[in-house]
Amino acid sequence: MTGRVGYAGRDHRVRFQHDKNMPSGHIPAHAFEHPTHFAGVDCRIRVPQAAVDELREYLTEDVGPRDSHLRWPGLTLELEQTVQTAWEDIGSPKISMESAWDVFRMISNVLDNY
């Protein structure tokens, strides 16, 4: 599956590399999802949702809620609140892989005016 790959206004051709051990000329996510198409073996281990829920409950009791660990190290609560306000000022757009850079730039422009 060679071809063009595009992200938010950028696109490029995935090139083939003869000496590469892993699949070449393909999108990595495609090879991950379909390893048998590339002489690979699917080694993923499915984890039951109940096990994930139990582990999350244990970790919450042990080290606190998940959200408290999703901050950048050193990010102050004040800066987090300022960025949250800037995000709300631009209309609270949905953040996805396709929109992240544009949302970041819009927030950055708002923060420049603070």
C-alpha atoms as a PDB file:
ATOM      1  CA  MET A   1       0.000   0.000   0.000  1.00  0.00           C
ATOM      2  CA  THR A   2       2.250   2.782  -1.179  1.00  0.00           C
ATOM      3  CA  GLY A   3       0.809   6.145  -1.898  1.00  0.00           C
ATOM      4  CA  ARG A   4       0.258   9.591  -0.620  1.00  0.00           C
ATOM      5  CA  VAL A   5      -0.242  10.340   3.045  1.00  0.00           C
ATOM      6  CA  GLY A   6      -1.685  13.659   4.157  1.00  0.00           C
ATOM      7  CA  TYR A   7      -1.985  15.472   7.475  1.00  0.00           C
ATOM      8  CA  ALA A   8      -3.474  18.956   7.824  1.00  0.00           C
ATOM      9  CA  GLY A   9      -2.277  20.445   4.558  1.00  0.00           C
ATOM     10  CA  ARG A  10       0.906  18.391   4.262  1.00  0.00           C
ATOM     11  CA  ASP A  11       1.307  15.296   2.206  1.00  0.00           C
ATOM     12  CA  HIS A  12       4.180  13.163   1.049  1.00  0.00           C
ATOM     13  CA  ARG A  13       4.859   9.911  -0.722  1.00  0.00           C
ATOM     14  CA  VAL A  14       5.842   6.983   1.469  1.00  0.00           C
ATOM     15  CA  ARG A  15       9.048   5.755  -0.165  1.00  0.00           C
ATOM     16  CA  PHE A  16      10.316   2.207  -0.453  1.00  0.00           C
ATOM     17  CA  GLN A  17      13.645   1.319   1.219  1.00  0.00           C
ATOM     18  CA  HIS A  18      15.218  -1.952   0.039  1.00  0.00           C
ATOM     19  CA  ASP A  19      17.562  -2.495   3.011  1.00  0.00           C
ATOM     20  CA  LYS A  20      14.959  -1.936   5.716  1.00  0.00           C
ATOM     21  CA  ASN A  21      14.081  -4.920   7.956  1.00  0.00           C
ATOM     22  CA  MET A  22      10.549  -3.758   8.636  1.00  0.00           C
ATOM     23  CA  PRO A  23       7.899  -3.264   5.910  1.00  0.00           C
ATOM     24  CA  SER A  24       8.926  -0.411   3.661  1.00  0.00           C
ATOM     25  CA  GLY A  25       6.859   1.816   1.445  1.00  0.00           C
ATOM     26  CA  HIS A  26       3.831   1.371   3.688  1.00  0.00           C
ATOM     27  CA  ILE A  27       2.099   3.327   6.405  1.00  0.00           C
ATOM     28  CA  PRO A  28       3.319   1.952   9.780  1.00  0.00           C
ATOM     29  CA  ALA A  29      -0.177   1.899  11.299  1.00  0.00           C
ATOM     30  CA  HIS A  30      -1.363  -0.322   8.439  1.00  0.00           C
ATOM     31  CA  ALA A  31       1.448  -2.806   9.075  1.00  0.00           C
ATOM     32  CA  PHE A  32       0.613  -2.768  12.793  1.00  0.00           C
ATOM     33  CA  GLU A  33      -3.066  -3.466  12.165  1.00  0.00           C
ATOM     34  CA  HIS A  34      -2.410  -6.137   9.494  1.00  0.00           C
ATOM     35  CA  PRO A  35       0.947  -7.791  10.322  1.00  0.00           C
ATOM     36  CA  THR A  36       0.168 -10.966   8.357  1.00  0.00           C
ATOM     37  CA  HIS A  37       0.085  -8.906   5.143  1.00  0.00           C
ATOM     38  CA  PHE A  38       3.782  -8.204   5.724  1.00  0.00           C
ATOM     39  CA  ALA A  39       5.026 -11.668   6.761  1.00  0.00           C
ATOM     40  CA  GLY A  40       4.549 -10.678  10.399  1.00  0.00           C
ATOM     41  CA  VAL A  41       2.782 -12.190  13.370  1.00  0.00           C
ATOM     42  CA  ASP A  42       0.067 -10.487  15.400  1.00  0.00           C
ATOM     43  CA  CYS A  43       1.568 -10.564  18.916  1.00  0.00           C
ATOM     44  CA  ARG A  44      -0.960  -8.263  20.530  1.00  0.00           C
ATOM     45  CA  ILE A  45      -2.607  -9.536  23.685  1.00  0.00           C
ATOM     46  CA  ARG A  46      -6.230  -8.578  24.216  1.00  0.00           C
ATOM     47  CA  VAL A  47      -6.849  -7.381  27.757  1.00  0.00           C
ATOM     48  CA  PRO A  48     -10.404  -7.765  29.097  1.00  0.00           C
ATOM     49  CA  GLN A  49     -12.054  -4.436  29.929  1.00  0.00           C
ATOM     50  CA  ALA A  50     -12.801  -5.714  33.454  1.00  0.00           C
ATOM     51  CA  ALA A  51      -9.044  -6.144  34.051  1.00  0.00           C
ATOM     52  CA  VAL A  52      -8.356  -2.603  32.824  1.00  0.00           C
ATOM     53  CA  ASP A  53     -11.119  -1.218  35.052  1.00  0.00           C
ATOM     54  CA  GLU A  54      -9.787  -3.115  38.076  1.00  0.00           C
ATOM     55  CA  LEU A  55      -6.242  -1.865  37.476  1.00  0.00           C
ATOM     56  CA  ARG A  56      -7.426   1.732  37.046  1.00  0.00           C
ATOM     57  CA  GLU A  57      -9.366   1.498  40.304  1.00  0.00           C
ATOM     58  CA  TYR A  58      -6.282   0.137  42.094  1.00  0.00           C
ATOM     59  CA  LEU A  59      -4.034   2.844  40.648  1.00  0.00           C
ATOM     60  CA  THR A  60      -6.507   5.580  41.553  1.00  0.00           C
ATOM     61  CA  GLU A  61      -6.483   4.387  45.155  1.00  0.00           C
ATOM     62  CA  ASP A  62      -2.686   4.031  45.162  1.00  0.00           C
ATOM     63  CA  VAL A  63      -1.464   7.156  43.337  1.00  0.00           C
ATOM     64  CA  GLY A  64      -4.526   9.317  42.699  1.00  0.00           C
ATOM     65  CA  PRO A  65      -6.807  10.012  39.756  1.00  0.00           C
ATOM     66  CA  ARG A  66      -5.615   9.467  36.191  1.00  0.00           C
ATOM     67  CA  ASP A  67      -6.211  13.107  35.196  1.00  0.00           C
ATOM     68  CA  SER A  68      -3.697  14.315  37.767  1.00  0.00           C
ATOM     69  CA  HIS A  69      -0.985  12.422  35.859  1.00  0.00           C
ATOM     70  CA  LEU A  70      -1.847  13.773  32.415  1.00  0.00           C
ATOM     71  CA  ARG A  71      -0.097  17.101  32.938  1.00  0.00           C
ATOM     72  CA  TRP A  72       3.285  18.113  31.617  1.00  0.00           C
ATOM     73  CA  PRO A  73       5.932  17.968  34.358  1.00  0.00           C
ATOM     74  CA  GLY A  74       6.385  21.436  35.792  1.00  0.00           C
ATOM     75  CA  LEU A  75       3.135  22.780  34.335  1.00  0.00           C
ATOM     76  CA  THR A  76       1.592  24.953  36.998  1.00  0.00           C
ATOM     77  CA  LEU A  77      -2.112  24.965  37.732  1.00  0.00           C
ATOM     78  CA  GLU A  78      -2.103  28.682  36.856  1.00  0.00           C
ATOM     79  CA  LEU A  79      -0.708  28.034  33.357  1.00  0.00           C
ATOM     80  CA  GLU A  80      -3.099  25.129  32.853  1.00  0.00           C
ATOM     81  CA  GLN A  81      -6.037  27.402  33.723  1.00  0.00           C
ATOM     82  CA  THR A  82      -4.727  30.138  31.409  1.00  0.00           C
ATOM     83  CA  VAL A  83      -4.437  27.706  28.494  1.00  0.00           C
ATOM     84  CA  GLN A  84      -7.910  26.325  29.303  1.00  0.00           C
ATOM     85  CA  THR A  85      -9.312  29.871  29.150  1.00  0.00           C
ATOM     86  CA  ALA A  86      -7.537  30.510  25.834  1.00  0.00           C
ATOM     87  CA  TRP A  87      -8.980  27.266  24.418  1.00  0.00           C
ATOM     88  CA  GLU A  88     -12.455  28.351  25.522  1.00  0.00           C
ATOM     89  CA  ASP A  89     -11.846  31.808  23.977  1.00  0.00           C
ATOM     90  CA  ILE A  90     -11.334  30.180  20.561  1.00  0.00           C
ATOM     91  CA  GLY A  91     -14.578  28.237  20.878  1.00  0.00           C
ATOM     92  CA  SER A  92     -13.349  25.015  22.546  1.00  0.00           C
ATOM     93  CA  PRO A  93     -12.628  23.243  19.237  1.00  0.00           C
ATOM     94  CA  LYS A  94     -12.351  19.476  19.168  1.00  0.00           C
ATOM     95  CA  ILE A  95      -8.705  18.415  19.254  1.00  0.00           C
ATOM     96  CA  SER A  96      -7.691  15.545  16.985  1.00  0.00           C
ATOM     97  CA  MET A  97      -4.560  14.449  15.145  1.00  0.00           C
ATOM     98  CA  GLU A  98      -5.752  16.469  12.165  1.00  0.00           C
ATOM     99  CA  SER A  99      -6.615  19.632  14.112  1.00  0.00           C
ATOM    100  CA  ALA A 100      -4.018  19.674  16.925  1.00  0.00           C
ATOM    101  CA  TRP A 101      -1.478  21.926  15.219  1.00  0.00           C
ATOM    102  CA  ASP A 102      -4.116  24.457  14.115  1.00  0.00           C
ATOM    103  CA  VAL A 103      -5.663  24.508  17.608  1.00  0.00           C
ATOM    104  CA  PHE A 104      -2.195  24.948  19.149  1.00  0.00           C
ATOM    105  CA  ARG A 105      -1.493  27.917  16.864  1.00  0.00           C
ATOM    106  CA  MET A 106      -4.845  29.533  17.696  1.00  0.00           C
ATOM    107  CA  ILE A 107      -4.243  29.092  21.438  1.00  0.00           C
ATOM    108  CA  SER A 108      -0.704  30.438  21.039  1.00  0.00           C
ATOM    109  CA  ASN A 109      -2.043  33.550  19.301  1.00  0.00           C
ATOM    110  CA  VAL A 110      -4.518  34.126  22.150  1.00  0.00           C
ATOM    111  CA  LEU A 111      -1.775  33.651  24.767  1.00  0.00           C
ATOM    112  CA  ASP A 112       0.405  36.213  22.967  1.00  0.00           C
ATOM    113  CA  ASN A 113      -2.302  38.787  23.762  1.00  0.00           C
ATOM    114  CA  TYR A 114      -2.446  38.003  27.518  1.00  0.00           C
END
